Amino acid sequence: MVGGFQAGAKKKAELKDFDKDISMYEEVVFGSPIWNGTFTPALNSLLSILDLSNKKLSFIFYSGSGEGKKAVKRLNKEYPNAPYIFLKDPKKYPEELKKLD
Protein backbone atom coordinates (compact mmCIF):
# COMPACT_ATOMS: atom_id res chain seq x y z
CA MET A 1 0.00 0.00 0.00
CA VAL A 2 2.78 2.40 0.92
CA GLY A 3 4.66 1.70 -2.31
CA GLY A 4 1.53 2.24 -4.38
CA PHE A 5 0.93 5.59 -2.69
CA GLN A 6 4.57 6.60 -3.24
CA ALA A 7 4.34 5.61 -6.90
CA GLY A 8 1.19 7.68 -7.37
CA ALA A 9 2.91 10.65 -5.73
CA LYS A 10 5.97 10.24 -8.05
CA LYS A 11 8.24 9.64 -5.06
CA LYS A 12 11.78 8.39 -5.57
CA ALA A 13 13.42 5.43 -3.87
CA GLU A 14 16.85 5.39 -2.34
CA LEU A 15 18.99 3.16 -4.53
CA LYS A 16 22.12 1.23 -3.67
CA ASP A 17 25.26 2.64 -5.24
CA PHE A 18 25.82 1.55 -8.84
CA ASP A 19 27.77 2.67 -11.92
CA LYS A 20 25.67 5.47 -13.40
CA ASP A 21 27.87 5.91 -16.48
CA ILE A 22 25.80 4.64 -19.39
CA SER A 23 27.62 6.72 -22.02
CA MET A 24 28.78 3.59 -23.88
CA TYR A 25 25.20 2.50 -24.61
CA GLU A 26 23.05 3.74 -27.48
CA GLU A 27 19.88 2.11 -26.21
CA VAL A 28 18.55 1.65 -22.69
CA VAL A 29 15.66 -0.70 -21.89
CA PHE A 30 13.86 -0.27 -18.58
CA GLY A 31 11.79 -3.05 -17.10
CA SER A 32 9.50 -2.38 -14.17
CA PRO A 33 6.22 -3.31 -12.56
CA ILE A 34 3.44 -0.75 -12.52
CA TRP A 35 2.16 0.32 -9.12
CA ASN A 36 -0.99 2.37 -8.71
CA GLY A 37 -1.12 2.77 -12.49
CA THR A 38 2.29 4.43 -12.77
CA PHE A 39 6.06 4.09 -12.41
CA THR A 40 7.60 2.61 -9.27
CA PRO A 41 9.70 4.83 -6.99
CA ALA A 42 12.84 2.93 -8.11
CA LEU A 43 12.15 3.72 -11.77
CA ASN A 44 11.46 7.36 -10.86
CA SER A 45 14.92 7.47 -9.25
CA LEU A 46 16.67 5.89 -12.23
CA LEU A 47 15.04 8.23 -14.72
CA SER A 48 16.07 11.24 -12.66
CA ILE A 49 19.74 10.33 -12.10
CA LEU A 50 20.82 8.75 -15.38
CA ASP A 51 21.96 10.88 -18.30
CA LEU A 52 19.49 9.71 -20.94
CA SER A 53 20.25 12.41 -23.48
CA ASN A 54 20.81 11.02 -26.97
CA LYS A 55 19.69 7.55 -25.88
CA LYS A 56 17.07 5.39 -27.52
CA LEU A 57 14.74 4.37 -24.69
CA SER A 58 12.33 1.45 -24.45
CA PHE A 59 10.13 0.27 -21.59
CA ILE A 60 8.72 -3.11 -20.60
CA PHE A 61 6.09 -2.95 -17.88
CA TYR A 62 4.32 -5.62 -15.89
CA SER A 63 0.87 -4.77 -14.63
CA GLY A 64 -1.68 -7.02 -12.99
CA SER A 65 -4.35 -5.38 -15.12
CA GLY A 66 -2.20 -5.02 -18.23
CA GLU A 67 -2.83 -1.29 -18.19
CA GLY A 68 -1.07 1.67 -16.72
CA LYS A 69 -3.01 4.70 -17.85
CA LYS A 70 -1.00 7.15 -15.75
CA ALA A 71 2.22 5.51 -16.93
CA VAL A 72 1.21 5.80 -20.60
CA LYS A 73 0.28 9.45 -20.13
CA ARG A 74 3.64 10.16 -18.52
CA LEU A 75 5.55 8.21 -21.19
CA ASN A 76 3.83 10.10 -23.98
CA LYS A 77 4.62 13.40 -22.27
CA GLU A 78 8.21 12.82 -21.11
CA TYR A 79 9.43 10.19 -23.61
CA PRO A 80 7.16 10.61 -26.66
CA ASN A 81 9.23 8.44 -29.00
CA ALA A 82 9.92 5.61 -26.59
CA PRO A 83 8.26 2.31 -27.45
CA TYR A 84 6.72 0.38 -24.58
CA ILE A 85 5.02 -2.93 -23.85
CA PHE A 86 2.63 -3.79 -21.04
CA LEU A 87 2.54 -7.41 -19.94
CA LYS A 88 -0.57 -8.54 -18.11
CA ASP A 89 0.17 -11.09 -15.36
CA PRO A 90 2.21 -13.62 -17.41
CA LYS A 91 1.60 -16.35 -14.82
CA LYS A 92 -2.12 -16.22 -15.52
CA TYR A 93 -1.79 -15.19 -19.16
CA PRO A 94 1.36 -16.86 -20.59
CA GLU A 95 0.40 -15.69 -24.09
CA GLU A 96 1.39 -12.19 -22.96
CA LEU A 97 5.05 -13.19 -23.29
CA LYS A 98 4.58 -13.36 -27.08
CA LYS A 99 4.52 -9.55 -27.00
CA LEU A 100 8.26 -9.68 -26.38
CA ASP A 101 9.00 -11.39 -29.71
PDB file of N, CA and C in Angstrom:
ATOM      1  N   MET A   1       0.820  -1.188   0.000  1.00  0.00           N
ATOM      2  CA  MET A   1       0.000   0.000   0.000  1.00  0.00           C
ATOM      3  C   MET A   1       0.868   1.258   0.000  1.00  0.00           C
ATOM      4  N   VAL A   2       1.903   1.227   0.831  1.00  0.00           N
ATOM      5  CA  VAL A   2       2.776   2.404   0.920  1.00  0.00           C
ATOM      6  C   VAL A   2       3.460   2.635  -0.416  1.00  0.00           C
ATOM      7  N   GLY A   3       3.983   1.558  -1.028  1.00  0.00           N
ATOM      8  CA  GLY A   3       4.661   1.696  -2.314  1.00  0.00           C
ATOM      9  C   GLY A   3       3.743   2.223  -3.394  1.00  0.00           C
ATOM     10  N   GLY A   4       2.491   1.758  -3.401  1.00  0.00           N
ATOM     11  CA  GLY A   4       1.529   2.245  -4.377  1.00  0.00           C
ATOM     12  C   GLY A   4       1.250   3.726  -4.203  1.00  0.00           C
ATOM     13  N   PHE A   5       1.134   4.165  -2.960  1.00  0.00           N
ATOM     14  CA  PHE A   5       0.932   5.589  -2.694  1.00  0.00           C
ATOM     15  C   PHE A   5       2.144   6.388  -3.161  1.00  0.00           C
ATOM     16  N   GLN A   6       3.350   5.894  -2.835  1.00  0.00           N
ATOM     17  CA  GLN A   6       4.566   6.598  -3.236  1.00  0.00           C
ATOM     18  C   GLN A   6       4.679   6.677  -4.751  1.00  0.00           C
ATOM     19  N   ALA A   7       4.301   5.600  -5.439  1.00  0.00           N
ATOM     20  CA  ALA A   7       4.345   5.609  -6.902  1.00  0.00           C
ATOM     21  C   ALA A   7       3.392   6.667  -7.446  1.00  0.00           C
ATOM     22  N   GLY A   8       2.171   6.700  -6.919  1.00  0.00           N
ATOM     23  CA  GLY A   8       1.188   7.680  -7.369  1.00  0.00           C
ATOM     24  C   GLY A   8       1.618   9.108  -7.114  1.00  0.00           C
ATOM     25  N   ALA A   9       2.418   9.310  -6.074  1.00  0.00           N
ATOM     26  CA  ALA A   9       2.911  10.646  -5.731  1.00  0.00           C
ATOM     27  C   ALA A   9       4.251  10.959  -6.411  1.00  0.00           C
ATOM     28  N   LYS A  10       4.700  10.087  -7.317  1.00  0.00           N
ATOM     29  CA  LYS A  10       5.967  10.243  -8.048  1.00  0.00           C
ATOM     30  C   LYS A  10       7.169  10.352  -7.117  1.00  0.00           C
ATOM     31  N   LYS A  11       7.116   9.664  -5.994  1.00  0.00           N
ATOM     32  CA  LYS A  11       8.244   9.644  -5.059  1.00  0.00           C
ATOM     33  C   LYS A  11       9.398   8.859  -5.667  1.00  0.00           C
ATOM     34  N   LYS A  12      10.580   9.097  -5.128  1.00  0.00           N
ATOM     35  CA  LYS A  12      11.779   8.393  -5.568  1.00  0.00           C
ATOM     36  C   LYS A  12      12.263   7.489  -4.445  1.00  0.00           C
ATOM     37  N   ALA A  13      12.875   6.381  -4.842  1.00  0.00           N
ATOM     38  CA  ALA A  13      13.421   5.429  -3.872  1.00  0.00           C
ATOM     39  C   ALA A  13      14.915   5.673  -3.709  1.00  0.00           C
ATOM     40  N   GLU A  14      15.415   5.345  -2.550  1.00  0.00           N
ATOM     41  CA  GLU A  14      16.850   5.388  -2.335  1.00  0.00           C
ATOM     42  C   GLU A  14      17.434   4.124  -2.951  1.00  0.00           C
ATOM     43  N   LEU A  15      18.392   4.291  -3.843  1.00  0.00           N
ATOM     44  CA  LEU A  15      18.994   3.159  -4.535  1.00  0.00           C
ATOM     45  C   LEU A  15      20.364   2.859  -3.970  1.00  0.00           C
ATOM     46  N   LYS A  16      20.755   1.597  -4.032  1.00  0.00           N
ATOM     47  CA  LYS A  16      22.123   1.233  -3.667  1.00  0.00           C
ATOM     48  C   LYS A  16      23.050   1.821  -4.712  1.00  0.00           C
ATOM     49  N   ASP A  17      24.283   2.056  -4.331  1.00  0.00           N
ATOM     50  CA  ASP A  17      25.257   2.643  -5.242  1.00  0.00           C
ATOM     51  C   ASP A  17      25.480   1.721  -6.445  1.00  0.00           C
ATOM     52  N   PHE A  18      25.559   2.308  -7.614  1.00  0.00           N
ATOM     53  CA  PHE A  18      25.820   1.555  -8.844  1.00  0.00           C
ATOM     54  C   PHE A  18      26.500   2.478  -9.843  1.00  0.00           C
ATOM     55  N   ASP A  19      27.088   1.899 -10.890  1.00  0.00           N
ATOM     56  CA  ASP A  19      27.773   2.670 -11.922  1.00  0.00           C
ATOM     57  C   ASP A  19      26.725   3.377 -12.771  1.00  0.00           C
ATOM     58  N   LYS A  20      26.681   4.677 -12.699  1.00  0.00           N
ATOM     59  CA  LYS A  20      25.675   5.466 -13.400  1.00  0.00           C
ATOM     60  C   LYS A  20      26.131   5.894 -14.796  1.00  0.00           C
ATOM     61  N   ASP A  21      27.341   5.530 -15.170  1.00  0.00           N
ATOM     62  CA  ASP A  21      27.870   5.915 -16.475  1.00  0.00           C
ATOM     63  C   ASP A  21      27.320   4.961 -17.541  1.00  0.00           C
ATOM     64  N   ILE A  22      26.374   5.445 -18.307  1.00  0.00           N
ATOM     65  CA  ILE A  22      25.802   4.638 -19.388  1.00  0.00           C
ATOM     66  C   ILE A  22      26.169   5.223 -20.754  1.00  0.00           C
ATOM     67  N   SER A  23      27.228   6.030 -20.787  1.00  0.00           N
ATOM     68  CA  SER A  23      27.625   6.721 -22.016  1.00  0.00           C
ATOM     69  C   SER A  23      27.974   5.765 -23.155  1.00  0.00           C
ATOM     70  N   MET A  24      28.379   4.533 -22.831  1.00  0.00           N
ATOM     71  CA  MET A  24      28.780   3.593 -23.880  1.00  0.00           C
ATOM     72  C   MET A  24      27.599   2.885 -24.546  1.00  0.00           C
ATOM     73  N   TYR A  25      26.384   3.155 -24.065  1.00  0.00           N
ATOM     74  CA  TYR A  25      25.199   2.500 -24.611  1.00  0.00           C
ATOM     75  C   TYR A  25      24.393   3.455 -25.479  1.00  0.00           C
ATOM     76  N   GLU A  26      23.923   2.960 -26.603  1.00  0.00           N
ATOM     77  CA  GLU A  26      23.054   3.743 -27.477  1.00  0.00           C
ATOM     78  C   GLU A  26      21.592   3.588 -27.085  1.00  0.00           C
ATOM     79  N   GLU A  27      21.261   2.405 -26.567  1.00  0.00           N
ATOM     80  CA  GLU A  27      19.880   2.115 -26.208  1.00  0.00           C
ATOM     81  C   GLU A  27      19.807   1.628 -24.767  1.00  0.00           C
ATOM     82  N   VAL A  28      18.771   2.067 -24.060  1.00  0.00           N
ATOM     83  CA  VAL A  28      18.549   1.647 -22.686  1.00  0.00           C
ATOM     84  C   VAL A  28      17.110   1.125 -22.597  1.00  0.00           C
ATOM     85  N   VAL A  29      16.977  -0.087 -22.065  1.00  0.00           N
ATOM     86  CA  VAL A  29      15.658  -0.696 -21.894  1.00  0.00           C
ATOM     87  C   VAL A  29      15.390  -0.790 -20.395  1.00  0.00           C
ATOM     88  N   PHE A  30      14.268  -0.219 -19.980  1.00  0.00           N
ATOM     89  CA  PHE A  30      13.862  -0.270 -18.582  1.00  0.00           C
ATOM     90  C   PHE A  30      12.747  -1.285 -18.439  1.00  0.00           C
ATOM     91  N   GLY A  31      12.844  -2.116 -17.424  1.00  0.00           N
ATOM     92  CA  GLY A  31      11.787  -3.053 -17.102  1.00  0.00           C
ATOM     93  C   GLY A  31      11.324  -2.781 -15.687  1.00  0.00           C
ATOM     94  N   SER A  32      10.010  -2.732 -15.489  1.00  0.00           N
ATOM     95  CA  SER A  32       9.496  -2.381 -14.170  1.00  0.00           C
ATOM     96  C   SER A  32       8.045  -2.805 -14.026  1.00  0.00           C
ATOM     97  N   PRO A  33       7.658  -3.142 -12.795  1.00  0.00           N
ATOM     98  CA  PRO A  33       6.223  -3.313 -12.562  1.00  0.00           C
ATOM     99  C   PRO A  33       5.550  -1.942 -12.553  1.00  0.00           C
ATOM    100  N   ILE A  34       4.255  -1.964 -12.637  1.00  0.00           N
ATOM    101  CA  ILE A  34       3.443  -0.752 -12.519  1.00  0.00           C
ATOM    102  C   ILE A  34       2.724  -0.822 -11.188  1.00  0.00           C
ATOM    103  N   TRP A  35       2.843   0.224 -10.412  1.00  0.00           N
ATOM    104  CA  TRP A  35       2.156   0.318  -9.125  1.00  0.00           C
ATOM    105  C   TRP A  35       1.206   1.501  -9.181  1.00  0.00           C
ATOM    106  N   ASN A  36      -0.007   1.288  -8.755  1.00  0.00           N
ATOM    107  CA  ASN A  36      -0.992   2.370  -8.706  1.00  0.00           C
ATOM    108  C   ASN A  36      -1.114   3.044 -10.080  1.00  0.00           C
ATOM    109  N   GLY A  37      -0.961   2.257 -11.131  1.00  0.00           N
ATOM    110  CA  GLY A  37      -1.119   2.769 -12.488  1.00  0.00           C
ATOM    111  C   GLY A  37       0.059   3.528 -13.042  1.00  0.00           C
ATOM    112  N   THR A  38       1.172   3.606 -12.315  1.00  0.00           N
ATOM    113  CA  THR A  38       2.285   4.426 -12.774  1.00  0.00           C
ATOM    114  C   THR A  38       3.637   3.816 -12.411  1.00  0.00           C
ATOM    115  N   PHE A  39       4.698   4.562 -12.634  1.00  0.00           N
ATOM    116  CA  PHE A  39       6.065   4.087 -12.407  1.00  0.00           C
ATOM    117  C   PHE A  39       6.326   3.833 -10.927  1.00  0.00           C
ATOM    118  N   THR A  40       7.189   2.875 -10.652  1.00  0.00           N
ATOM    119  CA  THR A  40       7.599   2.610  -9.274  1.00  0.00           C
ATOM    120  C   THR A  40       8.586   3.689  -8.808  1.00  0.00           C
ATOM    121  N   PRO A  41       8.723   3.872  -7.499  1.00  0.00           N
ATOM    122  CA  PRO A  41       9.703   4.832  -6.990  1.00  0.00           C
ATOM    123  C   PRO A  41      11.133   4.535  -7.485  1.00  0.00           C
ATOM    124  N   ALA A  42      11.492   3.261  -7.618  1.00  0.00           N
ATOM    125  CA  ALA A  42      12.840   2.930  -8.110  1.00  0.00           C
ATOM    126  C   ALA A  42      13.037   3.417  -9.541  1.00  0.00           C
ATOM    127  N   LEU A  43      12.042   3.234 -10.395  1.00  0.00           N
ATOM    128  CA  LEU A  43      12.154   3.718 -11.771  1.00  0.00           C
ATOM    129  C   LEU A  43      12.187   5.246 -11.796  1.00  0.00           C
ATOM    130  N   ASN A  44      11.398   5.894 -10.949  1.00  0.00           N
ATOM    131  CA  ASN A  44      11.462   7.361 -10.857  1.00  0.00           C
ATOM    132  C   ASN A  44      12.889   7.812 -10.548  1.00  0.00           C
ATOM    133  N   SER A  45      13.544   7.123  -9.625  1.00  0.00           N
ATOM    134  CA  SER A  45      14.917   7.473  -9.255  1.00  0.00           C
ATOM    135  C   SER A  45      15.862   7.291 -10.431  1.00  0.00           C
ATOM    136  N   LEU A  46      15.788   6.145 -11.091  1.00  0.00           N
ATOM    137  CA  LEU A  46      16.673   5.893 -12.231  1.00  0.00           C
ATOM    138  C   LEU A  46      16.511   6.947 -13.316  1.00  0.00           C
ATOM    139  N   LEU A  47      15.282   7.251 -13.653  1.00  0.00           N
ATOM    140  CA  LEU A  47      15.036   8.228 -14.716  1.00  0.00           C
ATOM    141  C   LEU A  47      15.542   9.616 -14.349  1.00  0.00           C
ATOM    142  N   SER A  48      15.617   9.914 -13.069  1.00  0.00           N
ATOM    143  CA  SER A  48      16.066  11.241 -12.660  1.00  0.00           C
ATOM    144  C   SER A  48      17.586  11.348 -12.527  1.00  0.00           C
ATOM    145  N   ILE A  49      18.289  10.230 -12.334  1.00  0.00           N
ATOM    146  CA  ILE A  49      19.736  10.331 -12.101  1.00  0.00           C
ATOM    147  C   ILE A  49      20.594   9.911 -13.283  1.00  0.00           C
ATOM    148  N   LEU A  50      20.033   9.175 -14.224  1.00  0.00           N
ATOM    149  CA  LEU A  50      20.823   8.746 -15.379  1.00  0.00           C
ATOM    150  C   LEU A  50      20.795   9.806 -16.467  1.00  0.00           C
ATOM    151  N   ASP A  51      21.907   9.962 -17.162  1.00  0.00           N
ATOM    152  CA  ASP A  51      21.957  10.878 -18.298  1.00  0.00           C
ATOM    153  C   ASP A  51      21.408  10.124 -19.507  1.00  0.00           C
ATOM    154  N   LEU A  52      20.169  10.420 -19.856  1.00  0.00           N
ATOM    155  CA  LEU A  52      19.491   9.713 -20.937  1.00  0.00           C
ATOM    156  C   LEU A  52      19.481  10.498 -22.241  1.00  0.00           C
ATOM    157  N   SER A  53      20.212  11.609 -22.262  1.00  0.00           N
ATOM    158  CA  SER A  53      20.254  12.407 -23.480  1.00  0.00           C
ATOM    159  C   SER A  53      20.900  11.593 -24.595  1.00  0.00           C
ATOM    160  N   ASN A  54      20.332  11.716 -25.772  1.00  0.00           N
ATOM    161  CA  ASN A  54      20.812  11.020 -26.966  1.00  0.00           C
ATOM    162  C   ASN A  54      20.756   9.499 -26.843  1.00  0.00           C
ATOM    163  N   LYS A  55      19.863   8.993 -26.026  1.00  0.00           N
ATOM    164  CA  LYS A  55      19.687   7.548 -25.875  1.00  0.00           C
ATOM    165  C   LYS A  55      18.349   7.143 -26.469  1.00  0.00           C
ATOM    166  N   LYS A  56      18.339   5.984 -27.091  1.00  0.00           N
ATOM    167  CA  LYS A  56      17.073   5.388 -27.519  1.00  0.00           C
ATOM    168  C   LYS A  56      16.539   4.644 -26.304  1.00  0.00           C
ATOM    169  N   LEU A  57      15.324   4.975 -25.881  1.00  0.00           N
ATOM    170  CA  LEU A  57      14.737   4.373 -24.691  1.00  0.00           C
ATOM    171  C   LEU A  57      13.582   3.463 -25.065  1.00  0.00           C
ATOM    172  N   SER A  58      13.453   2.368 -24.331  1.00  0.00           N
ATOM    173  CA  SER A  58      12.330   1.448 -24.452  1.00  0.00           C
ATOM    174  C   SER A  58      11.925   1.026 -23.053  1.00  0.00           C
ATOM    175  N   PHE A  59      10.651   0.662 -22.902  1.00  0.00           N
ATOM    176  CA  PHE A  59      10.132   0.267 -21.594  1.00  0.00           C
ATOM    177  C   PHE A  59       9.338  -1.025 -21.709  1.00  0.00           C
ATOM    178  N   ILE A  60       9.527  -1.904 -20.731  1.00  0.00           N
ATOM    179  CA  ILE A  60       8.718  -3.115 -20.598  1.00  0.00           C
ATOM    180  C   ILE A  60       8.116  -3.070 -19.205  1.00  0.00           C
ATOM    181  N   PHE A  61       6.787  -3.054 -19.154  1.00  0.00           N
ATOM    182  CA  PHE A  61       6.089  -2.954 -17.879  1.00  0.00           C
ATOM    183  C   PHE A  61       5.278  -4.208 -17.605  1.00  0.00           C
ATOM    184  N   TYR A  62       5.177  -4.541 -16.349  1.00  0.00           N
ATOM    185  CA  TYR A  62       4.319  -5.621 -15.889  1.00  0.00           C
ATOM    186  C   TYR A  62       3.228  -4.993 -15.045  1.00  0.00           C
ATOM    187  N   SER A  63       1.993  -5.307 -15.386  1.00  0.00           N
ATOM    188  CA  SER A  63       0.867  -4.775 -14.627  1.00  0.00           C
ATOM    189  C   SER A  63      -0.163  -5.869 -14.446  1.00  0.00           C
ATOM    190  N   GLY A  64      -0.660  -6.017 -13.246  1.00  0.00           N
ATOM    191  CA  GLY A  64      -1.677  -7.021 -12.985  1.00  0.00           C
ATOM    192  C   GLY A  64      -2.883  -6.863 -13.888  1.00  0.00           C
ATOM    193  N   SER A  65      -3.202  -5.631 -14.249  1.00  0.00           N
ATOM    194  CA  SER A  65      -4.352  -5.376 -15.118  1.00  0.00           C
ATOM    195  C   SER A  65      -3.949  -5.283 -16.586  1.00  0.00           C
ATOM    196  N   GLY A  66      -2.648  -5.186 -16.850  1.00  0.00           N
ATOM    197  CA  GLY A  66      -2.195  -5.019 -18.227  1.00  0.00           C
ATOM    198  C   GLY A  66      -2.300  -3.592 -18.717  1.00  0.00           C
ATOM    199  N   GLU A  67      -2.700  -2.699 -17.836  1.00  0.00           N
ATOM    200  CA  GLU A  67      -2.832  -1.289 -18.193  1.00  0.00           C
ATOM    201  C   GLU A  67      -2.053  -0.448 -17.199  1.00  0.00           C
ATOM    202  N   GLY A  68      -1.728   0.706 -17.597  1.00  0.00           N
ATOM    203  CA  GLY A  68      -1.073   1.671 -16.718  1.00  0.00           C
ATOM    204  C   GLY A  68      -1.350   3.038 -17.288  1.00  0.00           C
ATOM    205  N   LYS A  69      -2.582   3.465 -17.174  1.00  0.00           N
ATOM    206  CA  LYS A  69      -3.013   4.696 -17.847  1.00  0.00           C
ATOM    207  C   LYS A  69      -2.173   5.904 -17.461  1.00  0.00           C
ATOM    208  N   LYS A  70      -1.843   6.026 -16.175  1.00  0.00           N
ATOM    209  CA  LYS A  70      -1.003   7.154 -15.746  1.00  0.00           C
ATOM    210  C   LYS A  70       0.408   7.000 -16.318  1.00  0.00           C
ATOM    211  N   ALA A  71       0.887   5.759 -16.386  1.00  0.00           N
ATOM    212  CA  ALA A  71       2.220   5.515 -16.929  1.00  0.00           C
ATOM    213  C   ALA A  71       2.271   5.864 -18.410  1.00  0.00           C
ATOM    214  N   VAL A  72       1.253   5.482 -19.166  1.00  0.00           N
ATOM    215  CA  VAL A  72       1.206   5.798 -20.597  1.00  0.00           C
ATOM    216  C   VAL A  72       1.164   7.308 -20.807  1.00  0.00           C
ATOM    217  N   LYS A  73       0.368   7.983 -20.012  1.00  0.00           N
ATOM    218  CA  LYS A  73       0.283   9.449 -20.130  1.00  0.00           C
ATOM    219  C   LYS A  73       1.642  10.086 -19.875  1.00  0.00           C
ATOM    220  N   ARG A  74       2.317   9.616 -18.837  1.00  0.00           N
ATOM    221  CA  ARG A  74       3.638  10.161 -18.518  1.00  0.00           C
ATOM    222  C   ARG A  74       4.651   9.828 -19.611  1.00  0.00           C
ATOM    223  N   LEU A  75       4.631   8.583 -20.106  1.00  0.00           N
ATOM    224  CA  LEU A  75       5.548   8.212 -21.189  1.00  0.00           C
ATOM    225  C   LEU A  75       5.351   9.103 -22.404  1.00  0.00           C
ATOM    226  N   ASN A  76       4.114   9.280 -22.803  1.00  0.00           N
ATOM    227  CA  ASN A  76       3.833  10.104 -23.978  1.00  0.00           C
ATOM    228  C   ASN A  76       4.258  11.553 -23.788  1.00  0.00           C
ATOM    229  N   LYS A  77       4.219  12.023 -22.552  1.00  0.00           N
ATOM    230  CA  LYS A  77       4.622  13.404 -22.275  1.00  0.00           C
ATOM    231  C   LYS A  77       6.148  13.539 -22.177  1.00  0.00           C
ATOM    232  N   GLU A  78       6.785  12.663 -21.394  1.00  0.00           N
ATOM    233  CA  GLU A  78       8.212  12.816 -21.115  1.00  0.00           C
ATOM    234  C   GLU A  78       9.123  12.085 -22.100  1.00  0.00           C
ATOM    235  N   TYR A  79       8.634  11.002 -22.688  1.00  0.00           N
ATOM    236  CA  TYR A  79       9.434  10.191 -23.610  1.00  0.00           C
ATOM    237  C   TYR A  79       8.573   9.836 -24.817  1.00  0.00           C
ATOM    238  N   PRO A  80       8.171  10.835 -25.612  1.00  0.00           N
ATOM    239  CA  PRO A  80       7.165  10.614 -26.660  1.00  0.00           C
ATOM    240  C   PRO A  80       7.555   9.609 -27.739  1.00  0.00           C
ATOM    241  N   ASN A  81       8.812   9.371 -27.953  1.00  0.00           N
ATOM    242  CA  ASN A  81       9.233   8.440 -28.999  1.00  0.00           C
ATOM    243  C   ASN A  81       9.635   7.073 -28.475  1.00  0.00           C
ATOM    244  N   ALA A  82       9.485   6.868 -27.188  1.00  0.00           N
ATOM    245  CA  ALA A  82       9.922   5.606 -26.586  1.00  0.00           C
ATOM    246  C   ALA A  82       8.853   4.530 -26.744  1.00  0.00           C
ATOM    247  N   PRO A  83       9.216   3.413 -27.376  1.00  0.00           N
ATOM    248  CA  PRO A  83       8.256   2.311 -27.447  1.00  0.00           C
ATOM    249  C   PRO A  83       8.117   1.647 -26.087  1.00  0.00           C
ATOM    250  N   TYR A  84       6.952   1.055 -25.849  1.00  0.00           N
ATOM    251  CA  TYR A  84       6.717   0.378 -24.585  1.00  0.00           C
ATOM    252  C   TYR A  84       5.772  -0.808 -24.790  1.00  0.00           C
ATOM    253  N   ILE A  85       5.871  -1.741 -23.860  1.00  0.00           N
ATOM    254  CA  ILE A  85       5.018  -2.927 -23.849  1.00  0.00           C
ATOM    255  C   ILE A  85       4.487  -3.099 -22.434  1.00  0.00           C
ATOM    256  N   PHE A  86       3.212  -3.420 -22.324  1.00  0.00           N
ATOM    257  CA  PHE A  86       2.631  -3.792 -21.042  1.00  0.00           C
ATOM    258  C   PHE A  86       2.336  -5.276 -21.072  1.00  0.00           C
ATOM    259  N   LEU A  87       2.824  -5.988 -20.085  1.00  0.00           N
ATOM    260  CA  LEU A  87       2.537  -7.409 -19.943  1.00  0.00           C
ATOM    261  C   LEU A  87       1.526  -7.580 -18.818  1.00  0.00           C
ATOM    262  N   LYS A  88       0.448  -8.250 -19.121  1.00  0.00           N
ATOM    263  CA  LYS A  88      -0.565  -8.541 -18.106  1.00  0.00           C
ATOM    264  C   LYS A  88      -0.235  -9.886 -17.478  1.00  0.00           C
ATOM    265  N   ASP A  89      -0.085  -9.902 -16.176  1.00  0.00           N
ATOM    266  CA  ASP A  89       0.172 -11.089 -15.364  1.00  0.00           C
ATOM    267  C   ASP A  89       0.529 -12.340 -16.176  1.00  0.00           C
ATOM    268  N   PRO A  90       1.809 -12.481 -16.581  1.00  0.00           N
ATOM    269  CA  PRO A  90       2.209 -13.618 -17.415  1.00  0.00           C
ATOM    270  C   PRO A  90       1.990 -14.990 -16.769  1.00  0.00           C
ATOM    271  N   LYS A  91       1.889 -15.062 -15.449  1.00  0.00           N
ATOM    272  CA  LYS A  91       1.604 -16.351 -14.822  1.00  0.00           C
ATOM    273  C   LYS A  91       0.189 -16.811 -15.165  1.00  0.00           C
ATOM    274  N   LYS A  92      -0.736 -15.882 -15.181  1.00  0.00           N
ATOM    275  CA  LYS A  92      -2.116 -16.219 -15.517  1.00  0.00           C
ATOM    276  C   LYS A  92      -2.356 -16.212 -17.022  1.00  0.00           C
ATOM    277  N   TYR A  93      -1.610 -15.363 -17.724  1.00  0.00           N
ATOM    278  CA  TYR A  93      -1.792 -15.191 -19.158  1.00  0.00           C
ATOM    279  C   TYR A  93      -0.456 -15.389 -19.874  1.00  0.00           C
ATOM    280  N   PRO A  94       0.030 -16.619 -19.988  1.00  0.00           N
ATOM    281  CA  PRO A  94       1.358 -16.857 -20.586  1.00  0.00           C
ATOM    282  C   PRO A  94       1.483 -16.345 -22.017  1.00  0.00           C
ATOM    283  N   GLU A  95       0.366 -16.199 -22.718  1.00  0.00           N
ATOM    284  CA  GLU A  95       0.403 -15.689 -24.088  1.00  0.00           C
ATOM    285  C   GLU A  95       0.923 -14.244 -24.153  1.00  0.00           C
ATOM    286  N   GLU A  96       0.885 -13.556 -23.017  1.00  0.00           N
ATOM    287  CA  GLU A  96       1.389 -12.190 -22.957  1.00  0.00           C
ATOM    288  C   GLU A  96       2.876 -12.129 -23.307  1.00  0.00           C
ATOM    289  N   LEU A  97       3.612 -13.170 -23.007  1.00  0.00           N
ATOM    290  CA  LEU A  97       5.053 -13.188 -23.293  1.00  0.00           C
ATOM    291  C   LEU A  97       5.351 -13.120 -24.775  1.00  0.00           C
ATOM    292  N   LYS A  98       4.389 -13.453 -25.623  1.00  0.00           N
ATOM    293  CA  LYS A  98       4.576 -13.356 -27.077  1.00  0.00           C
ATOM    294  C   LYS A  98       4.778 -11.915 -27.510  1.00  0.00           C
ATOM    295  N   LYS A  99       4.325 -10.969 -26.692  1.00  0.00           N
ATOM    296  CA  LYS A  99       4.515  -9.550 -27.002  1.00  0.00           C
ATOM    297  C   LYS A  99       5.992  -9.178 -27.049  1.00  0.00           C
ATOM    298  N   LEU A 100       6.828  -9.983 -26.425  1.00  0.00           N
ATOM    299  CA  LEU A 100       8.261  -9.682 -26.381  1.00  0.00           C
ATOM    300  C   LEU A 100       8.994 -10.128 -27.642  1.00  0.00           C
ATOM    301  N   ASP A 101       8.344 -10.899 -28.476  1.00  0.00           N
ATOM    302  CA  ASP A 101       8.995 -11.389 -29.712  1.00  0.00           C
ATOM    303  C   ASP A 101       9.269 -10.279 -30.697  1.00  0.00           C
TER     304      ASP A 101
END
